[in-house]
Amino acid sequence: MNAYLPAFMDCRGHRFVSDIVLGWQKGIAIRRARGPDWGAHGLFYVQIGVEDTLSLSGIPPGAVVSVEPISPEEQGSPSAEALHCLQFGNGYLCGSCTVSHGKLILLPVSGSYSGVHEFFFPKEVRVVGRVRGFASVLPPKLDDSQEVSRSRQPAPLVLPWEQSTFDALLKAESLRFGLSGRSLVNSNDILSAATGTTLSSRTVRRYQHEGKSVPHTNTMLALTLFHGARISDVLRSLHLWRDEVNHRSLTTWLQTQGLQDLSESVQATAAPQPHARWRTVIKDWLNGPCFYPWRCLEWSNSSID
């Protein structure tokens, strides 16, 4: 974990990590890096679909995007100057938008965008956060493909971690992404290789309907993968999630000789120094300079007009 930063840091060009991080903290659990000194509360990440169009946001398909939660006021009246993450009943999009006369209107970065531009708001779309940066493979995929067709049966405009039950989470993800029996047939080979388990249509239907039973671990993992869910959201919906910020690793327990060793194993996670420099990094990058800020998208926009 980085500990010392240069007093001045110009990130406009290529830099070696050794030029940006002058020293490192060692033996620190990443889960202990919490609080205002370590980024925005509630920041989450989404991945742009590899078949999504580049012409809407200018972000390369397949990129991982950091999204900052926003106030209810901004959710109801998003700024056309910003890039927002939008949730629909049949998927997600990232793009600039504005709200007018009960409709949300997309503002693509390129005139070649061929998707739907207007949606009833807030019935058909929800503004869930502001895009702050992205990370992409190099070289990025810059070709502008046709917008893919989406499932037309809408799911509730509820984020996965807001779902209160396991069956509601699975059913919503199935509706949102148009999962079908054919999807299951195509997925079972992958599920078998990854988890040693396959799913039947009956099993999927069973856990998509209200019930109190908790699936066996291998079935739970297979259901999680098939529905494209996060394991943390699945565990929360099953009321099995535990915050491990103050827990010790198995290695620590095996090496300890007594309670004194355990207390010494908990190291404070100090913010990188100089503190003023780090606060500027957090303000501009939120989770550190591992994502391109959205303001650096000019190179993408010039490639697709």
Protein backbone atom coordinates (compact mmCIF):
# COMPACT_ATOMS: atom_id res chain seq x y z
CA MET A 1 0.00 0.00 0.00
CA ASN A 2 1.43 3.39 -0.96
CA ALA A 3 2.84 5.48 1.90
CA TYR A 4 4.79 8.40 0.38
CA LEU A 5 3.93 10.51 -2.66
CA PRO A 6 5.96 13.20 -4.42
CA ALA A 7 5.08 16.78 -3.49
CA PHE A 8 4.17 17.39 -7.14
CA MET A 9 2.67 14.75 -9.40
CA ASP A 10 1.85 15.34 -13.07
CA CYS A 11 -0.32 12.46 -14.33
CA ARG A 12 -0.89 13.80 -17.83
CA GLY A 13 1.77 11.57 -19.35
CA HIS A 14 3.15 8.06 -18.80
CA ARG A 15 4.84 7.49 -15.43
CA PHE A 16 6.53 4.57 -13.73
CA VAL A 17 4.95 3.52 -10.44
CA SER A 18 8.28 4.28 -8.75
CA ASP A 19 7.89 7.92 -9.84
CA ILE A 20 4.45 8.18 -8.23
CA VAL A 21 4.85 6.04 -5.10
CA LEU A 22 8.08 6.81 -3.25
CA GLY A 23 7.47 4.39 -0.37
CA TRP A 24 5.16 1.57 0.67
CA GLN A 25 3.35 0.41 3.80
CA LYS A 26 3.76 -3.31 4.33
CA GLY A 27 1.75 -5.92 6.20
CA ILE A 28 -1.48 -3.90 5.95
CA ALA A 29 -4.82 -5.61 5.28
CA ILE A 30 -6.51 -3.83 2.36
CA ARG A 31 -9.88 -4.09 4.16
CA ARG A 32 -8.55 -1.71 6.84
CA ALA A 33 -8.07 1.10 4.33
CA ARG A 34 -11.37 2.78 5.12
CA GLY A 35 -12.63 6.22 6.03
CA PRO A 36 -12.48 9.70 4.47
CA ASP A 37 -8.71 9.47 3.92
CA TRP A 38 -9.17 6.56 1.51
CA GLY A 39 -11.80 7.71 -0.96
CA ALA A 40 -15.48 8.36 -1.37
CA HIS A 41 -17.92 6.38 0.74
CA GLY A 42 -19.99 3.96 -1.33
CA LEU A 43 -17.88 4.14 -4.49
CA PHE A 44 -18.68 1.14 -6.70
CA TYR A 45 -17.52 -0.28 -10.01
CA VAL A 46 -19.26 -1.44 -13.17
CA GLN A 47 -17.94 -2.96 -16.37
CA ILE A 48 -18.95 -1.64 -19.76
CA GLY A 49 -20.23 -4.50 -21.92
CA VAL A 50 -17.81 -5.68 -24.59
CA GLU A 51 -20.62 -5.34 -27.15
CA ASP A 52 -21.79 -1.92 -25.97
CA THR A 53 -21.37 1.01 -28.33
CA LEU A 54 -18.48 3.44 -27.93
CA SER A 55 -20.50 6.32 -29.39
CA LEU A 56 -22.68 6.88 -26.30
CA SER A 57 -20.08 7.69 -23.63
CA GLY A 58 -16.71 7.54 -25.36
CA ILE A 59 -15.56 4.89 -22.84
CA PRO A 60 -14.08 1.80 -24.55
CA PRO A 61 -16.22 -1.37 -24.43
CA GLY A 62 -15.04 -3.73 -21.69
CA ALA A 63 -13.65 -0.90 -19.51
CA VAL A 64 -14.15 -0.94 -15.73
CA VAL A 65 -15.76 2.29 -14.53
CA SER A 66 -15.71 3.82 -11.04
CA VAL A 67 -19.05 5.32 -10.03
CA GLU A 68 -19.65 7.79 -7.20
CA PRO A 69 -23.03 7.81 -5.42
CA ILE A 70 -24.93 11.08 -5.84
CA SER A 71 -27.53 13.03 -3.93
CA PRO A 72 -31.28 12.58 -4.52
CA GLU A 73 -31.28 16.07 -6.03
CA GLU A 74 -28.73 15.10 -8.68
CA GLN A 75 -30.52 11.81 -9.32
CA GLY A 76 -33.66 13.78 -10.18
CA SER A 77 -31.87 16.45 -12.18
CA PRO A 78 -28.56 15.10 -13.57
CA SER A 79 -26.09 17.58 -15.01
CA ALA A 80 -25.63 17.34 -18.77
CA GLU A 81 -21.95 18.18 -18.19
CA ALA A 82 -21.31 14.95 -16.26
CA LEU A 83 -21.26 11.28 -17.20
CA HIS A 84 -23.74 9.15 -15.25
CA CYS A 85 -24.41 5.46 -14.70
CA LEU A 86 -28.00 4.69 -15.64
CA GLN A 87 -30.06 1.64 -14.65
CA PHE A 88 -32.85 0.36 -16.89
CA GLY A 89 -35.24 -2.53 -16.49
CA ASN A 90 -33.20 -4.40 -19.11
CA GLY A 91 -29.61 -3.33 -18.40
CA TYR A 92 -27.28 -0.44 -17.67
CA LEU A 93 -25.70 2.39 -19.66
CA CYS A 94 -23.09 5.06 -18.99
CA GLY A 95 -23.58 8.41 -20.67
CA SER A 96 -24.44 12.08 -20.38
CA CYS A 97 -28.11 12.93 -20.08
CA THR A 98 -30.63 15.55 -19.16
CA VAL A 99 -34.18 15.44 -17.81
CA SER A 100 -36.99 17.46 -19.38
CA HIS A 101 -40.79 17.20 -19.24
CA GLY A 102 -40.83 13.79 -17.58
CA LYS A 103 -38.28 12.24 -19.92
CA LEU A 104 -34.59 11.40 -19.61
CA ILE A 105 -32.77 12.25 -22.82
CA LEU A 106 -29.40 10.68 -23.66
CA LEU A 107 -26.68 12.98 -24.99
CA PRO A 108 -24.28 10.74 -26.98
CA VAL A 109 -20.73 11.91 -27.66
CA SER A 110 -21.12 10.88 -31.30
CA GLY A 111 -23.85 11.28 -33.88
CA SER A 112 -23.41 7.63 -34.85
CA TYR A 113 -25.22 6.38 -31.73
CA SER A 114 -28.20 4.36 -33.00
CA GLY A 115 -29.89 3.39 -29.73
CA VAL A 116 -33.01 4.83 -28.14
CA HIS A 117 -32.47 8.42 -26.97
CA GLU A 118 -35.53 9.13 -24.78
CA PHE A 119 -37.04 7.29 -21.79
CA PHE A 120 -39.88 8.06 -19.39
CA PHE A 121 -38.34 9.28 -16.13
CA PRO A 122 -38.28 7.94 -13.47
CA LYS A 123 -40.50 5.05 -14.64
CA GLU A 124 -38.09 3.53 -17.20
CA VAL A 125 -34.67 4.67 -15.99
CA ARG A 126 -32.84 5.47 -12.77
CA VAL A 127 -29.74 7.66 -12.38
CA VAL A 128 -27.59 5.72 -9.92
CA GLY A 129 -24.28 7.59 -9.81
CA ARG A 130 -21.69 9.81 -11.44
CA VAL A 131 -18.82 8.29 -13.41
CA ARG A 132 -15.46 9.43 -12.06
CA GLY A 133 -12.92 7.32 -13.95
CA PHE A 134 -12.30 4.18 -15.95
CA ALA A 135 -9.65 1.53 -16.54
CA SER A 136 -9.27 -0.19 -19.90
CA VAL A 137 -7.04 -2.80 -21.47
CA LEU A 138 -4.32 -1.42 -23.72
CA PRO A 139 -4.75 -0.96 -26.56
CA PRO A 140 -8.44 -0.23 -25.91
CA LYS A 141 -11.17 -1.42 -28.22
CA LEU A 142 -12.16 1.73 -30.12
CA ASP A 143 -14.36 0.38 -32.91
CA ASP A 144 -17.96 1.59 -32.73
CA SER A 145 -20.24 -1.43 -32.99
CA GLN A 146 -24.02 -1.51 -33.35
CA GLU A 147 -26.00 -1.21 -30.13
CA VAL A 148 -27.02 -4.74 -29.10
CA SER A 149 -30.68 -5.62 -28.65
CA ARG A 150 -31.88 -5.96 -25.07
CA SER A 151 -34.52 -7.96 -23.23
CA ARG A 152 -37.82 -6.12 -23.24
CA GLN A 153 -39.28 -7.54 -20.01
CA PRO A 154 -38.19 -5.01 -17.40
CA ALA A 155 -36.81 -5.69 -13.95
CA PRO A 156 -37.41 -3.36 -10.96
CA LEU A 157 -35.12 -0.31 -10.82
CA VAL A 158 -33.37 -1.58 -7.71
CA LEU A 159 -29.60 -2.00 -7.42
CA PRO A 160 -28.36 -5.52 -6.56
CA TRP A 161 -27.10 -4.58 -3.10
CA GLU A 162 -30.47 -2.98 -2.31
CA GLN A 163 -32.34 -6.28 -2.76
CA SER A 164 -33.59 -7.60 0.58
CA THR A 165 -33.98 -11.28 -0.36
CA PHE A 166 -32.04 -13.85 -2.35
CA ASP A 167 -34.94 -14.76 -4.64
CA ALA A 168 -35.64 -11.08 -5.44
CA LEU A 169 -31.97 -10.60 -6.38
CA LEU A 170 -31.92 -13.61 -8.71
CA LYS A 171 -35.27 -12.84 -10.31
CA ALA A 172 -34.33 -9.20 -10.97
CA GLU A 173 -30.98 -10.10 -12.57
CA SER A 174 -32.64 -12.78 -14.68
CA LEU A 175 -35.22 -10.29 -16.00
CA ARG A 176 -32.69 -7.50 -16.49
CA PHE A 177 -30.31 -9.57 -18.59
CA GLY A 178 -32.90 -11.75 -20.33
CA LEU A 179 -31.62 -15.08 -18.98
CA SER A 180 -33.38 -18.09 -20.50
CA GLY A 181 -33.20 -21.85 -20.74
CA ARG A 182 -30.82 -21.47 -23.68
CA SER A 183 -28.62 -19.23 -21.54
CA LEU A 184 -28.47 -21.96 -18.91
CA VAL A 185 -27.54 -24.65 -21.46
CA ASN A 186 -24.73 -22.44 -22.79
CA SER A 187 -23.52 -21.66 -19.25
CA ASN A 188 -23.46 -25.13 -17.70
CA ASP A 189 -20.13 -26.14 -19.23
CA ILE A 190 -18.54 -23.03 -17.74
CA LEU A 191 -20.26 -23.55 -14.38
CA SER A 192 -19.11 -27.17 -14.27
CA ALA A 193 -15.50 -26.18 -14.92
CA ALA A 194 -15.58 -23.29 -12.42
CA THR A 195 -17.61 -24.78 -9.57
CA GLY A 196 -17.98 -28.49 -10.32
CA THR A 197 -21.74 -27.95 -10.41
CA THR A 198 -24.38 -27.56 -13.10
CA LEU A 199 -27.82 -26.01 -12.71
CA SER A 200 -31.15 -27.36 -13.87
CA SER A 201 -34.03 -25.11 -14.94
CA ARG A 202 -35.96 -26.42 -11.94
CA THR A 203 -33.20 -25.36 -9.53
CA VAL A 204 -33.04 -21.88 -11.05
CA ARG A 205 -36.83 -21.46 -10.84
CA ARG A 206 -36.86 -22.73 -7.26
CA TYR A 207 -34.45 -20.12 -5.97
CA GLN A 208 -36.01 -17.32 -8.04
CA HIS A 209 -39.25 -17.74 -6.09
CA GLU A 210 -39.81 -16.82 -2.49
CA GLY A 211 -38.50 -19.37 -0.07
CA LYS A 212 -36.45 -19.61 3.10
CA SER A 213 -34.07 -22.37 2.05
CA VAL A 214 -30.38 -21.54 1.66
CA PRO A 215 -28.63 -23.34 -1.23
CA HIS A 216 -25.56 -25.48 -0.70
CA THR A 217 -22.32 -23.62 -1.27
CA ASN A 218 -21.60 -25.04 -4.72
CA THR A 219 -25.16 -24.32 -5.89
CA MET A 220 -24.98 -20.80 -4.44
CA LEU A 221 -21.75 -20.10 -6.32
CA ALA A 222 -23.20 -21.46 -9.56
CA LEU A 223 -26.36 -19.35 -9.17
CA THR A 224 -24.22 -16.29 -8.46
CA LEU A 225 -22.16 -16.78 -11.60
CA PHE A 226 -25.13 -17.56 -13.82
CA HIS A 227 -27.02 -14.42 -12.74
CA GLY A 228 -23.95 -12.18 -12.97
CA ALA A 229 -24.24 -11.21 -9.31
CA ARG A 230 -21.57 -10.31 -6.79
CA ILE A 231 -20.92 -12.81 -4.02
CA SER A 232 -21.12 -9.98 -1.44
CA ASP A 233 -24.65 -9.08 -2.63
CA VAL A 234 -25.68 -12.74 -2.52
CA LEU A 235 -24.37 -13.15 1.04
CA ARG A 236 -26.11 -9.95 2.14
CA SER A 237 -29.42 -11.12 0.67
CA LEU A 238 -29.03 -14.41 2.55
CA HIS A 239 -28.11 -12.52 5.75
CA LEU A 240 -24.75 -14.30 5.81
CA TRP A 241 -22.52 -11.26 5.22
CA ARG A 242 -20.06 -10.37 7.98
CA ASP A 243 -17.81 -7.31 8.09
CA GLU A 244 -14.25 -8.66 8.42
CA VAL A 245 -12.43 -5.35 8.88
CA ASN A 246 -11.23 -6.36 12.38
CA HIS A 247 -10.72 -10.05 11.61
CA ARG A 248 -7.28 -11.70 11.37
CA SER A 249 -6.11 -13.88 8.53
CA LEU A 250 -5.55 -17.63 8.89
CA THR A 251 -1.79 -17.00 8.56
CA THR A 252 -1.88 -14.64 11.54
CA TRP A 253 -3.72 -17.21 13.67
CA LEU A 254 -1.27 -19.96 12.75
CA GLN A 255 1.74 -17.80 13.61
CA THR A 256 0.47 -16.29 16.86
CA GLN A 257 1.68 -17.51 20.23
CA GLY A 258 -0.75 -15.53 22.41
CA LEU A 259 -3.14 -12.60 22.70
CA GLN A 260 -0.23 -10.14 22.79
CA ASP A 261 0.82 -11.29 19.32
CA LEU A 262 -2.73 -10.72 18.04
CA SER A 263 -2.86 -7.15 19.33
CA GLU A 264 0.50 -6.41 17.73
CA SER A 265 -0.67 -7.83 14.40
CA VAL A 266 -3.28 -5.05 13.99
CA GLN A 267 -1.42 -2.21 12.33
CA ALA A 268 -2.88 1.21 11.83
CA THR A 269 -3.47 2.12 8.20
CA ALA A 270 -2.11 5.63 7.85
CA ALA A 271 -2.95 7.80 4.86
CA PRO A 272 -0.05 8.43 2.44
CA GLN A 273 2.14 11.48 3.00
CA PRO A 274 2.28 14.36 2.37
CA HIS A 275 -1.33 14.51 3.48
CA ALA A 276 -2.23 17.59 1.41
CA ARG A 277 -0.95 15.91 -1.75
CA TRP A 278 -2.92 12.74 -1.00
CA ARG A 279 -6.13 14.74 -0.38
CA THR A 280 -5.74 16.28 -3.82
CA VAL A 281 -5.32 12.81 -5.36
CA ILE A 282 -8.45 11.58 -3.56
CA LYS A 283 -10.43 14.61 -4.74
CA ASP A 284 -9.40 14.14 -8.38
CA TRP A 285 -9.22 10.35 -8.57
CA LEU A 286 -11.29 9.12 -5.59
CA ASN A 287 -9.57 5.74 -5.23
CA GLY A 288 -6.12 6.76 -6.33
CA PRO A 289 -4.48 7.10 -9.76
CA CYS A 290 -5.40 3.65 -11.06
CA PHE A 291 -8.34 4.90 -13.17
CA TYR A 292 -8.34 7.49 -15.92
CA PRO A 293 -10.40 10.51 -14.82
CA TRP A 294 -13.41 11.09 -17.04
CA ARG A 295 -11.93 14.43 -18.13
CA CYS A 296 -9.20 12.46 -19.97
CA LEU A 297 -11.68 11.07 -22.51
CA GLU A 298 -10.80 13.53 -25.27
CA TRP A 299 -8.63 10.89 -26.97
CA SER A 300 -11.66 8.58 -27.22
CA ASN A 301 -14.09 11.21 -28.43
CA SER A 302 -11.82 12.33 -31.24
CA SER A 303 -11.61 8.73 -32.49
CA ILE A 304 -15.31 8.14 -33.08
CA ASP A 305 -16.69 11.31 -34.66
